[in-house]
Amino acid sequence: MGFYCDNCGEKVEIDCDECPVCGVLFKAVKCPRCGFTGPSVQFARGCPSCGYLGESLNSENHERIPDKKEWVFKQYLSDKTFWILGIVLLLLIPVLIAFLLNK
């Protein structure tokens, strides 16, 4: 996981209390994706707010980390299922309206 000094931009380890290059003291870690700030222990498994995990160990195979909302949605519904449900709902709306108007 990559952490960087806000002062000089140098890469630092998660357990560092100060930057090894410029010497600035670290009070907290700031997520580069969402800006969440907190102690480094909260970031042990990624950002507690958005799930950002930092750099991939193999930068050649680096994939985008999906947002939590996107991940939860895709966990339950595949794209095909989503489209089928959408089309069925669109077809049922006119039938429901016609039924209600004929009452």
PDB file of N, CA and C in Angstrom:
ATOM      1  N   MET A   1       0.859  -1.165   0.000  1.00  0.00           N
ATOM      2  CA  MET A   1       0.000   0.000   0.000  1.00  0.00           C
ATOM      3  C   MET A   1       0.899   1.218   0.000  1.00  0.00           C
ATOM      4  N   GLY A   2       0.601   2.203  -0.780  1.00  0.00           N
ATOM      5  CA  GLY A   2       1.438   3.369  -0.879  1.00  0.00           C
ATOM      6  C   GLY A   2       0.897   4.564  -0.122  1.00  0.00           C
ATOM      7  N   PHE A   3       1.720   5.121   0.728  1.00  0.00           N
ATOM      8  CA  PHE A   3       1.402   6.365   1.409  1.00  0.00           C
ATOM      9  C   PHE A   3       2.464   7.371   1.014  1.00  0.00           C
ATOM     10  N   TYR A   4       2.062   8.623   0.901  1.00  0.00           N
ATOM     11  CA  TYR A   4       2.980   9.661   0.448  1.00  0.00           C
ATOM     12  C   TYR A   4       2.920  10.860   1.376  1.00  0.00           C
ATOM     13  N   CYS A   5       4.055  11.492   1.550  1.00  0.00           N
ATOM     14  CA  CYS A   5       4.149  12.695   2.364  1.00  0.00           C
ATOM     15  C   CYS A   5       3.452  13.845   1.645  1.00  0.00           C
ATOM     16  N   ASP A   6       2.540  14.550   2.354  1.00  0.00           N
ATOM     17  CA  ASP A   6       1.871  15.712   1.768  1.00  0.00           C
ATOM     18  C   ASP A   6       2.838  16.869   1.547  1.00  0.00           C
ATOM     19  N   ASN A   7       3.927  16.899   2.303  1.00  0.00           N
ATOM     20  CA  ASN A   7       4.866  18.007   2.214  1.00  0.00           C
ATOM     21  C   ASN A   7       5.810  17.886   1.015  1.00  0.00           C
ATOM     22  N   CYS A   8       6.436  16.699   0.838  1.00  0.00           N
ATOM     23  CA  CYS A   8       7.433  16.553  -0.233  1.00  0.00           C
ATOM     24  C   CYS A   8       7.039  15.543  -1.309  1.00  0.00           C
ATOM     25  N   GLY A   9       6.006  14.749  -1.056  1.00  0.00           N
ATOM     26  CA  GLY A   9       5.553  13.779  -2.044  1.00  0.00           C
ATOM     27  C   GLY A   9       6.291  12.453  -2.021  1.00  0.00           C
ATOM     28  N   GLU A  10       7.227  12.281  -1.100  1.00  0.00           N
ATOM     29  CA  GLU A  10       8.003  11.045  -1.010  1.00  0.00           C
ATOM     30  C   GLU A  10       7.142   9.901  -0.469  1.00  0.00           C
ATOM     31  N   LYS A  11       7.371   8.689  -0.983  1.00  0.00           N
ATOM     32  CA  LYS A  11       6.647   7.511  -0.499  1.00  0.00           C
ATOM     33  C   LYS A  11       7.159   7.151   0.892  1.00  0.00           C
ATOM     34  N   VAL A  12       6.207   6.861   1.810  1.00  0.00           N
ATOM     35  CA  VAL A  12       6.564   6.504   3.184  1.00  0.00           C
ATOM     36  C   VAL A  12       5.818   5.240   3.593  1.00  0.00           C
ATOM     37  N   GLU A  13       6.337   4.552   4.587  1.00  0.00           N
ATOM     38  CA  GLU A  13       5.703   3.342   5.118  1.00  0.00           C
ATOM     39  C   GLU A  13       4.537   3.726   6.018  1.00  0.00           C
ATOM     40  N   ILE A  14       3.604   2.796   6.209  1.00  0.00           N
ATOM     41  CA  ILE A  14       2.397   3.069   6.985  1.00  0.00           C
ATOM     42  C   ILE A  14       2.699   3.374   8.457  1.00  0.00           C
ATOM     43  N   ASP A  15       3.757   2.790   9.001  1.00  0.00           N
ATOM     44  CA  ASP A  15       4.040   2.957  10.426  1.00  0.00           C
ATOM     45  C   ASP A  15       5.004   4.106  10.731  1.00  0.00           C
ATOM     46  N   CYS A  16       5.344   4.921   9.741  1.00  0.00           N
ATOM     47  CA  CYS A  16       6.255   6.048   9.954  1.00  0.00           C
ATOM     48  C   CYS A  16       5.548   7.185  10.686  1.00  0.00           C
ATOM     49  N   ASP A  17       6.245   7.776  11.654  1.00  0.00           N
ATOM     50  CA  ASP A  17       5.712   8.938  12.362  1.00  0.00           C
ATOM     51  C   ASP A  17       6.190  10.241  11.737  1.00  0.00           C
ATOM     52  N   GLU A  18       7.225  10.139  10.915  1.00  0.00           N
ATOM     53  CA  GLU A  18       7.729  11.325  10.225  1.00  0.00           C
ATOM     54  C   GLU A  18       8.294  10.924   8.870  1.00  0.00           C
ATOM     55  N   CYS A  19       8.339  11.888   7.954  1.00  0.00           N
ATOM     56  CA  CYS A  19       8.852  11.633   6.612  1.00  0.00           C
ATOM     57  C   CYS A  19      10.364  11.420   6.677  1.00  0.00           C
ATOM     58  N   PRO A  20      10.872  10.336   6.084  1.00  0.00           N
ATOM     59  CA  PRO A  20      12.312  10.087   6.120  1.00  0.00           C
ATOM     60  C   PRO A  20      13.116  11.077   5.278  1.00  0.00           C
ATOM     61  N   VAL A  21      12.457  11.812   4.381  1.00  0.00           N
ATOM     62  CA  VAL A  21      13.169  12.746   3.511  1.00  0.00           C
ATOM     63  C   VAL A  21      13.150  14.166   4.074  1.00  0.00           C
ATOM     64  N   CYS A  22      11.944  14.691   4.341  1.00  0.00           N
ATOM     65  CA  CYS A  22      11.856  16.093   4.762  1.00  0.00           C
ATOM     66  C   CYS A  22      11.667  16.262   6.267  1.00  0.00           C
ATOM     67  N   GLY A  23      11.352  15.172   6.984  1.00  0.00           N
ATOM     68  CA  GLY A  23      11.258  15.228   8.435  1.00  0.00           C
ATOM     69  C   GLY A  23       9.943  15.739   9.003  1.00  0.00           C
ATOM     70  N   VAL A  24       8.954  16.021   8.167  1.00  0.00           N
ATOM     71  CA  VAL A  24       7.673  16.517   8.677  1.00  0.00           C
ATOM     72  C   VAL A  24       6.994  15.410   9.493  1.00  0.00           C
ATOM     73  N   LEU A  25       6.384  15.796  10.627  1.00  0.00           N
ATOM     74  CA  LEU A  25       5.699  14.832  11.485  1.00  0.00           C
ATOM     75  C   LEU A  25       4.311  14.553  10.938  1.00  0.00           C
ATOM     76  N   PHE A  26       3.918  13.285  10.976  1.00  0.00           N
ATOM     77  CA  PHE A  26       2.593  12.891  10.500  1.00  0.00           C
ATOM     78  C   PHE A  26       1.625  12.831  11.669  1.00  0.00           C
ATOM     79  N   LYS A  27       0.505  13.519  11.524  1.00  0.00           N
ATOM     80  CA  LYS A  27      -0.549  13.469  12.537  1.00  0.00           C
ATOM     81  C   LYS A  27      -1.633  12.491  12.119  1.00  0.00           C
ATOM     82  N   ALA A  28      -1.829  12.338  10.805  1.00  0.00           N
ATOM     83  CA  ALA A  28      -2.895  11.475  10.299  1.00  0.00           C
ATOM     84  C   ALA A  28      -2.582  11.084   8.861  1.00  0.00           C
ATOM     85  N   VAL A  29      -3.361  10.136   8.353  1.00  0.00           N
ATOM     86  CA  VAL A  29      -3.270   9.704   6.962  1.00  0.00           C
ATOM     87  C   VAL A  29      -4.474  10.276   6.230  1.00  0.00           C
ATOM     88  N   LYS A  30      -4.251  10.736   4.998  1.00  0.00           N
ATOM     89  CA  LYS A  30      -5.332  11.297   4.187  1.00  0.00           C
ATOM     90  C   LYS A  30      -5.494  10.447   2.929  1.00  0.00           C
ATOM     91  N   CYS A  31      -6.717   9.978   2.677  1.00  0.00           N
ATOM     92  CA  CYS A  31      -6.992   9.165   1.494  1.00  0.00           C
ATOM     93  C   CYS A  31      -6.902  10.036   0.243  1.00  0.00           C
ATOM     94  N   PRO A  32      -6.137   9.626  -0.780  1.00  0.00           N
ATOM     95  CA  PRO A  32      -6.026  10.425  -1.999  1.00  0.00           C
ATOM     96  C   PRO A  32      -7.289  10.392  -2.856  1.00  0.00           C
ATOM     97  N   ARG A  33      -8.168   9.421  -2.636  1.00  0.00           N
ATOM     98  CA  ARG A  33      -9.392   9.328  -3.437  1.00  0.00           C
ATOM     99  C   ARG A  33     -10.512  10.197  -2.855  1.00  0.00           C
ATOM    100  N   CYS A  34     -10.843   9.993  -1.561  1.00  0.00           N
ATOM    101  CA  CYS A  34     -12.009  10.686  -0.994  1.00  0.00           C
ATOM    102  C   CYS A  34     -11.647  11.789  -0.012  1.00  0.00           C
ATOM    103  N   GLY A  35     -10.387  11.846   0.430  1.00  0.00           N
ATOM    104  CA  GLY A  35      -9.963  12.891   1.349  1.00  0.00           C
ATOM    105  C   GLY A  35     -10.192  12.569   2.820  1.00  0.00           C
ATOM    106  N   PHE A  36     -10.690  11.375   3.141  1.00  0.00           N
ATOM    107  CA  PHE A  36     -10.901  10.983   4.539  1.00  0.00           C
ATOM    108  C   PHE A  36      -9.572  11.044   5.275  1.00  0.00           C
ATOM    109  N   THR A  37      -9.583  11.591   6.491  1.00  0.00           N
ATOM    110  CA  THR A  37      -8.378  11.713   7.292  1.00  0.00           C
ATOM    111  C   THR A  37      -8.574  10.984   8.612  1.00  0.00           C
ATOM    112  N   GLY A  38      -7.568  10.228   9.014  1.00  0.00           N
ATOM    113  CA  GLY A  38      -7.631   9.504  10.281  1.00  0.00           C
ATOM    114  C   GLY A  38      -6.289   8.886  10.603  1.00  0.00           C
ATOM    115  N   PRO A  39      -6.191   8.247  11.767  1.00  0.00           N
ATOM    116  CA  PRO A  39      -4.930   7.605  12.144  1.00  0.00           C
ATOM    117  C   PRO A  39      -4.600   6.438  11.213  1.00  0.00           C
ATOM    118  N   SER A  40      -3.325   6.123  11.098  1.00  0.00           N
ATOM    119  CA  SER A  40      -2.888   5.107  10.138  1.00  0.00           C
ATOM    120  C   SER A  40      -3.472   3.730  10.429  1.00  0.00           C
ATOM    121  N   VAL A  41      -3.776   3.428  11.694  1.00  0.00           N
ATOM    122  CA  VAL A  41      -4.336   2.110  12.007  1.00  0.00           C
ATOM    123  C   VAL A  41      -5.701   1.909  11.355  1.00  0.00           C
ATOM    124  N   GLN A  42      -6.430   2.987  11.096  1.00  0.00           N
ATOM    125  CA  GLN A  42      -7.726   2.874  10.424  1.00  0.00           C
ATOM    126  C   GLN A  42      -7.569   2.492   8.956  1.00  0.00           C
ATOM    127  N   PHE A  43      -6.393   2.715   8.396  1.00  0.00           N
ATOM    128  CA  PHE A  43      -6.144   2.460   6.979  1.00  0.00           C
ATOM    129  C   PHE A  43      -5.453   1.118   6.737  1.00  0.00           C
ATOM    130  N   ALA A  44      -5.387   0.259   7.732  1.00  0.00           N
ATOM    131  CA  ALA A  44      -4.671  -1.015   7.600  1.00  0.00           C
ATOM    132  C   ALA A  44      -5.237  -1.881   6.477  1.00  0.00           C
ATOM    133  N   ARG A  45      -6.542  -1.815   6.250  1.00  0.00           N
ATOM    134  CA  ARG A  45      -7.176  -2.597   5.178  1.00  0.00           C
ATOM    135  C   ARG A  45      -7.737  -1.692   4.096  1.00  0.00           C
ATOM    136  N   GLY A  46      -7.168  -0.516   3.951  1.00  0.00           N
ATOM    137  CA  GLY A  46      -7.656   0.444   2.969  1.00  0.00           C
ATOM    138  C   GLY A  46      -8.418   1.557   3.661  1.00  0.00           C
ATOM    139  N   CYS A  47      -8.878   2.508   2.886  1.00  0.00           N
ATOM    140  CA  CYS A  47      -9.611   3.650   3.433  1.00  0.00           C
ATOM    141  C   CYS A  47     -10.933   3.165   4.037  1.00  0.00           C
ATOM    142  N   PRO A  48     -11.213   3.533   5.294  1.00  0.00           N
ATOM    143  CA  PRO A  48     -12.465   3.100   5.908  1.00  0.00           C
ATOM    144  C   PRO A  48     -13.689   3.779   5.307  1.00  0.00           C
ATOM    145  N   SER A  49     -13.487   4.867   4.575  1.00  0.00           N
ATOM    146  CA  SER A  49     -14.610   5.586   3.980  1.00  0.00           C
ATOM    147  C   SER A  49     -14.961   5.080   2.582  1.00  0.00           C
ATOM    148  N   CYS A  50     -13.951   4.972   1.700  1.00  0.00           N
ATOM    149  CA  CYS A  50     -14.245   4.607   0.303  1.00  0.00           C
ATOM    150  C   CYS A  50     -13.646   3.264  -0.118  1.00  0.00           C
ATOM    151  N   GLY A  51     -12.805   2.655   0.721  1.00  0.00           N
ATOM    152  CA  GLY A  51     -12.236   1.354   0.392  1.00  0.00           C
ATOM    153  C   GLY A  51     -10.966   1.398  -0.434  1.00  0.00           C
ATOM    154  N   TYR A  52     -10.427   2.584  -0.710  1.00  0.00           N
ATOM    155  CA  TYR A  52      -9.210   2.716  -1.517  1.00  0.00           C
ATOM    156  C   TYR A  52      -8.073   1.929  -0.883  1.00  0.00           C
ATOM    157  N   LEU A  53      -7.401   1.106  -1.684  1.00  0.00           N
ATOM    158  CA  LEU A  53      -6.340   0.242  -1.172  1.00  0.00           C
ATOM    159  C   LEU A  53      -4.937   0.709  -1.510  1.00  0.00           C
ATOM    160  N   GLY A  54      -4.789   1.786  -2.205  1.00  0.00           N
ATOM    161  CA  GLY A  54      -3.465   2.256  -2.562  1.00  0.00           C
ATOM    162  C   GLY A  54      -2.962   1.608  -3.823  1.00  0.00           C
ATOM    163  N   GLU A  55      -1.653   1.555  -3.971  1.00  0.00           N
ATOM    164  CA  GLU A  55      -1.039   0.999  -5.171  1.00  0.00           C
ATOM    165  C   GLU A  55      -1.171  -0.512  -5.207  1.00  0.00           C
ATOM    166  N   SER A  56      -1.284  -1.041  -6.397  1.00  0.00           N
ATOM    167  CA  SER A  56      -1.251  -2.488  -6.594  1.00  0.00           C
ATOM    168  C   SER A  56       0.193  -2.946  -6.483  1.00  0.00           C
ATOM    169  N   LEU A  57       0.417  -4.162  -5.992  1.00  0.00           N
ATOM    170  CA  LEU A  57       1.781  -4.671  -5.918  1.00  0.00           C
ATOM    171  C   LEU A  57       2.379  -4.856  -7.301  1.00  0.00           C
ATOM    172  N   ASN A  58       1.548  -5.212  -8.278  1.00  0.00           N
ATOM    173  CA  ASN A  58       1.993  -5.360  -9.656  1.00  0.00           C
ATOM    174  C   ASN A  58       1.330  -4.250 -10.463  1.00  0.00           C
ATOM    175  N   SER A  59       2.046  -3.168 -10.692  1.00  0.00           N
ATOM    176  CA  SER A  59       1.441  -2.002 -11.335  1.00  0.00           C
ATOM    177  C   SER A  59       1.039  -2.259 -12.785  1.00  0.00           C
ATOM    178  N   GLU A  60       1.595  -3.297 -13.414  1.00  0.00           N
ATOM    179  CA  GLU A  60       1.207  -3.602 -14.791  1.00  0.00           C
ATOM    180  C   GLU A  60      -0.217  -4.135 -14.856  1.00  0.00           C
ATOM    181  N   ASN A  61      -0.646  -4.862 -13.835  1.00  0.00           N
ATOM    182  CA  ASN A  61      -1.985  -5.441 -13.800  1.00  0.00           C
ATOM    183  C   ASN A  61      -2.920  -4.633 -12.908  1.00  0.00           C
ATOM    184  N   HIS A  62      -2.638  -3.366 -12.751  1.00  0.00           N
ATOM    185  CA  HIS A  62      -3.429  -2.514 -11.867  1.00  0.00           C
ATOM    186  C   HIS A  62      -4.825  -2.312 -12.442  1.00  0.00           C
ATOM    187  N   GLU A  63      -5.822  -2.637 -11.653  1.00  0.00           N
ATOM    188  CA  GLU A  63      -7.206  -2.439 -12.058  1.00  0.00           C
ATOM    189  C   GLU A  63      -7.841  -1.401 -11.153  1.00  0.00           C
ATOM    190  N   ARG A  64      -8.852  -0.726 -11.690  1.00  0.00           N
ATOM    191  CA  ARG A  64      -9.572   0.267 -10.913  1.00  0.00           C
ATOM    192  C   ARG A  64     -10.338  -0.433  -9.797  1.00  0.00           C
ATOM    193  N   ILE A  65     -10.283   0.145  -8.606  1.00  0.00           N
ATOM    194  CA  ILE A  65     -11.027  -0.405  -7.480  1.00  0.00           C
ATOM    195  C   ILE A  65     -12.422   0.190  -7.522  1.00  0.00           C
ATOM    196  N   PRO A  66     -13.458  -0.636  -7.604  1.00  0.00           N
ATOM    197  CA  PRO A  66     -14.810  -0.089  -7.689  1.00  0.00           C
ATOM    198  C   PRO A  66     -15.223   0.584  -6.393  1.00  0.00           C
ATOM    199  N   ASP A  67     -16.082   1.579  -6.503  1.00  0.00           N
ATOM    200  CA  ASP A  67     -16.636   2.221  -5.325  1.00  0.00           C
ATOM    201  C   ASP A  67     -17.461   1.204  -4.558  1.00  0.00           C
ATOM    202  N   LYS A  68     -17.631   1.429  -3.261  1.00  0.00           N
ATOM    203  CA  LYS A  68     -18.391   0.489  -2.441  1.00  0.00           C
ATOM    204  C   LYS A  68     -19.813   0.318  -2.957  1.00  0.00           C
ATOM    205  N   LYS A  69     -20.470   1.414  -3.336  1.00  0.00           N
ATOM    206  CA  LYS A  69     -21.851   1.331  -3.810  1.00  0.00           C
ATOM    207  C   LYS A  69     -21.927   0.471  -5.070  1.00  0.00           C
ATOM    208  N   GLU A  70     -20.997   0.674  -5.992  1.00  0.00           N
ATOM    209  CA  GLU A  70     -20.970  -0.101  -7.230  1.00  0.00           C
ATOM    210  C   GLU A  70     -20.726  -1.574  -6.921  1.00  0.00           C
ATOM    211  N   TRP A  71     -19.836  -1.856  -6.000  1.00  0.00           N
ATOM    212  CA  TRP A  71     -19.505  -3.227  -5.657  1.00  0.00           C
ATOM    213  C   TRP A  71     -20.695  -3.930  -5.023  1.00  0.00           C
ATOM    214  N   VAL A  72     -21.380  -3.272  -4.087  1.00  0.00           N
ATOM    215  CA  VAL A  72     -22.537  -3.872  -3.421  1.00  0.00           C
ATOM    216  C   VAL A  72     -23.630  -4.148  -4.440  1.00  0.00           C
ATOM    217  N   PHE A  73     -23.882  -3.212  -5.358  1.00  0.00           N
ATOM    218  CA  PHE A  73     -24.915  -3.397  -6.374  1.00  0.00           C
ATOM    219  C   PHE A  73     -24.577  -4.590  -7.263  1.00  0.00           C
ATOM    220  N   LYS A  74     -23.358  -4.654  -7.752  1.00  0.00           N
ATOM    221  CA  LYS A  74     -22.965  -5.735  -8.661  1.00  0.00           C
ATOM    222  C   LYS A  74     -22.864  -7.073  -7.942  1.00  0.00           C
ATOM    223  N   GLN A  75     -22.733  -7.036  -6.635  1.00  0.00           N
ATOM    224  CA  GLN A  75     -22.674  -8.274  -5.874  1.00  0.00           C
ATOM    225  C   GLN A  75     -24.013  -9.013  -5.962  1.00  0.00           C
ATOM    226  N   TYR A  76     -25.109  -8.287  -6.044  1.00  0.00           N
ATOM    227  CA  TYR A  76     -26.435  -8.897  -6.044  1.00  0.00           C
ATOM    228  C   TYR A  76     -27.041  -9.056  -7.433  1.00  0.00           C
ATOM    229  N   LEU A  77     -26.762  -8.139  -8.345  1.00  0.00           N
ATOM    230  CA  LEU A  77     -27.370  -8.184  -9.673  1.00  0.00           C
ATOM    231  C   LEU A  77     -26.300  -8.153 -10.754  1.00  0.00           C
ATOM    232  N   SER A  78     -26.386  -9.064 -11.694  1.00  0.00           N
ATOM    233  CA  SER A  78     -25.492  -9.000 -12.843  1.00  0.00           C
ATOM    234  C   SER A  78     -26.062  -7.980 -13.827  1.00  0.00           C
ATOM    235  N   ASP A  79     -25.272  -7.570 -14.794  1.00  0.00           N
ATOM    236  CA  ASP A  79     -25.745  -6.611 -15.794  1.00  0.00           C
ATOM    237  C   ASP A  79     -26.933  -7.163 -16.572  1.00  0.00           C
ATOM    238  N   LYS A  80     -26.885  -8.431 -16.930  1.00  0.00           N
ATOM    239  CA  LYS A  80     -27.969  -9.042 -17.700  1.00  0.00           C
ATOM    240  C   LYS A  80     -29.269  -9.049 -16.892  1.00  0.00           C
ATOM    241  N   THR A  81     -29.184  -9.431 -15.633  1.00  0.00           N
ATOM    242  CA  THR A  81     -30.369  -9.448 -14.765  1.00  0.00           C
ATOM    243  C   THR A  81     -30.939  -8.045 -14.604  1.00  0.00           C
ATOM    244  N   PHE A  82     -30.074  -7.074 -14.443  1.00  0.00           N
ATOM    245  CA  PHE A  82     -30.510  -5.688 -14.301  1.00  0.00           C
ATOM    246  C   PHE A  82     -31.302  -5.238 -15.530  1.00  0.00           C
ATOM    247  N   TRP A  83     -30.796  -5.523 -16.716  1.00  0.00           N
ATOM    248  CA  TRP A  83     -31.484  -5.110 -17.943  1.00  0.00           C
ATOM    249  C   TRP A  83     -32.813  -5.847 -18.121  1.00  0.00           C
ATOM    250  N   ILE A  84     -32.849  -7.120 -17.811  1.00  0.00           N
ATOM    251  CA  ILE A  84     -34.099  -7.882 -17.932  1.00  0.00           C
ATOM    252  C   ILE A  84     -35.159  -7.319 -16.989  1.00  0.00           C
ATOM    253  N   LEU A  85     -34.782  -7.057 -15.743  1.00  0.00           N
ATOM    254  CA  LEU A  85     -35.732  -6.477 -14.790  1.00  0.00           C
ATOM    255  C   LEU A  85     -36.202  -5.098 -15.244  1.00  0.00           C
ATOM    256  N   GLY A  86     -35.306  -4.297 -15.789  1.00  0.00           N
ATOM    257  CA  GLY A  86     -35.677  -2.973 -16.280  1.00  0.00           C
ATOM    258  C   GLY A  86     -36.682  -3.036 -17.410  1.00  0.00           C
ATOM    259  N   ILE A  87     -36.472  -3.924 -18.358  1.00  0.00           N
ATOM    260  CA  ILE A  87     -37.390  -4.063 -19.502  1.00  0.00           C
ATOM    261  C   ILE A  87     -38.750  -4.579 -19.037  1.00  0.00           C
ATOM    262  N   VAL A  88     -38.752  -5.556 -18.138  1.00  0.00           N
ATOM    263  CA  VAL A  88     -40.019  -6.084 -17.614  1.00  0.00           C
ATOM    264  C   VAL A  88     -40.801  -4.981 -16.910  1.00  0.00           C
ATOM    265  N   LEU A  89     -40.126  -4.184 -16.107  1.00  0.00           N
ATOM    266  CA  LEU A  89     -40.809  -3.080 -15.420  1.00  0.00           C
ATOM    267  C   LEU A  89     -41.355  -2.061 -16.410  1.00  0.00           C
ATOM    268  N   LEU A  90     -40.591  -1.743 -17.439  1.00  0.00           N
ATOM    269  CA  LEU A  90     -41.071  -0.788 -18.444  1.00  0.00           C
ATOM    270  C   LEU A  90     -42.291  -1.321 -19.192  1.00  0.00           C
ATOM    271  N   LEU A  91     -42.364  -2.624 -19.405  1.00  0.00           N
ATOM    272  CA  LEU A  91     -43.520  -3.215 -20.077  1.00  0.00           C
ATOM    273  C   LEU A  91     -44.731  -3.301 -19.148  1.00  0.00           C
ATOM    274  N   LEU A  92     -44.507  -3.450 -17.868  1.00  0.00           N
ATOM    275  CA  LEU A  92     -45.611  -3.567 -16.920  1.00  0.00           C
ATOM    276  C   LEU A  92     -46.249  -2.223 -16.565  1.00  0.00           C
ATOM    277  N   ILE A  93     -45.523  -1.150 -16.671  1.00  0.00           N
ATOM    278  CA  ILE A  93     -46.063   0.171 -16.310  1.00  0.00           C
ATOM    279  C   ILE A  93     -47.276   0.530 -17.164  1.00  0.00           C
ATOM    280  N   PRO A  94     -47.235   0.439 -18.502  1.00  0.00           N
ATOM    281  CA  PRO A  94     -48.434   0.769 -19.293  1.00  0.00           C
ATOM    282  C   PRO A  94     -49.613  -0.159 -18.986  1.00  0.00           C
ATOM    283  N   VAL A  95     -49.339  -1.427 -18.730  1.00  0.00           N
ATOM    284  CA  VAL A  95     -50.411  -2.371 -18.397  1.00  0.00           C
ATOM    285  C   VAL A  95     -51.064  -1.962 -17.080  1.00  0.00           C
ATOM    286  N   LEU A  96     -50.272  -1.602 -16.104  1.00  0.00           N
ATOM    287  CA  LEU A  96     -50.790  -1.167 -14.814  1.00  0.00           C
ATOM    288  C   LEU A  96     -51.596   0.120 -14.951  1.00  0.00           C
ATOM    289  N   ILE A  97     -51.120   1.064 -15.735  1.00  0.00           N
ATOM    290  CA  ILE A  97     -51.846   2.325 -15.953  1.00  0.00           C
ATOM    291  C   ILE A  97     -53.176   2.051 -16.642  1.00  0.00           C
ATOM    292  N   ALA A  98     -53.188   1.210 -17.665  1.00  0.00           N
ATOM    293  CA  ALA A  98     -54.435   0.873 -18.365  1.00  0.00           C
ATOM    294  C   ALA A  98     -55.415   0.186 -17.419  1.00  0.00           C
ATOM    295  N   PHE A  99     -54.929  -0.692 -16.566  1.00  0.00           N
ATOM    296  CA  PHE A  99     -55.784  -1.387 -15.607  1.00  0.00           C
ATOM    297  C   PHE A  99     -56.409  -0.407 -14.620  1.00  0.00           C
ATOM    298  N   LEU A 100     -55.608   0.529 -14.126  1.00  0.00           N
ATOM    299  CA  LEU A 100     -56.109   1.500 -13.152  1.00  0.00           C
ATOM    300  C   LEU A 100     -57.094   2.486 -13.778  1.00  0.00           C
ATOM    301  N   LEU A 101     -56.908   2.839 -15.040  1.00  0.00           N
ATOM    302  CA  LEU A 101     -57.813   3.782 -15.710  1.00  0.00           C
ATOM    303  C   LEU A 101     -59.146   3.133 -16.056  1.00  0.00           C
ATOM    304  N   ASN A 102     -59.199   1.842 -16.224  1.00  0.00           N
ATOM    305  CA  ASN A 102     -60.436   1.140 -16.580  1.00  0.00           C
ATOM    306  C   ASN A 102     -61.273   0.762 -15.362  1.00  0.00           C
ATOM    307  N   LYS A 103     -60.827   1.029 -14.192  1.00  0.00           N
ATOM    308  CA  LYS A 103     -61.594   0.701 -12.980  1.00  0.00           C
ATOM    309  C   LYS A 103     -62.763   1.607 -12.799  1.00  0.00           C
TER     310      LYS A 103
END
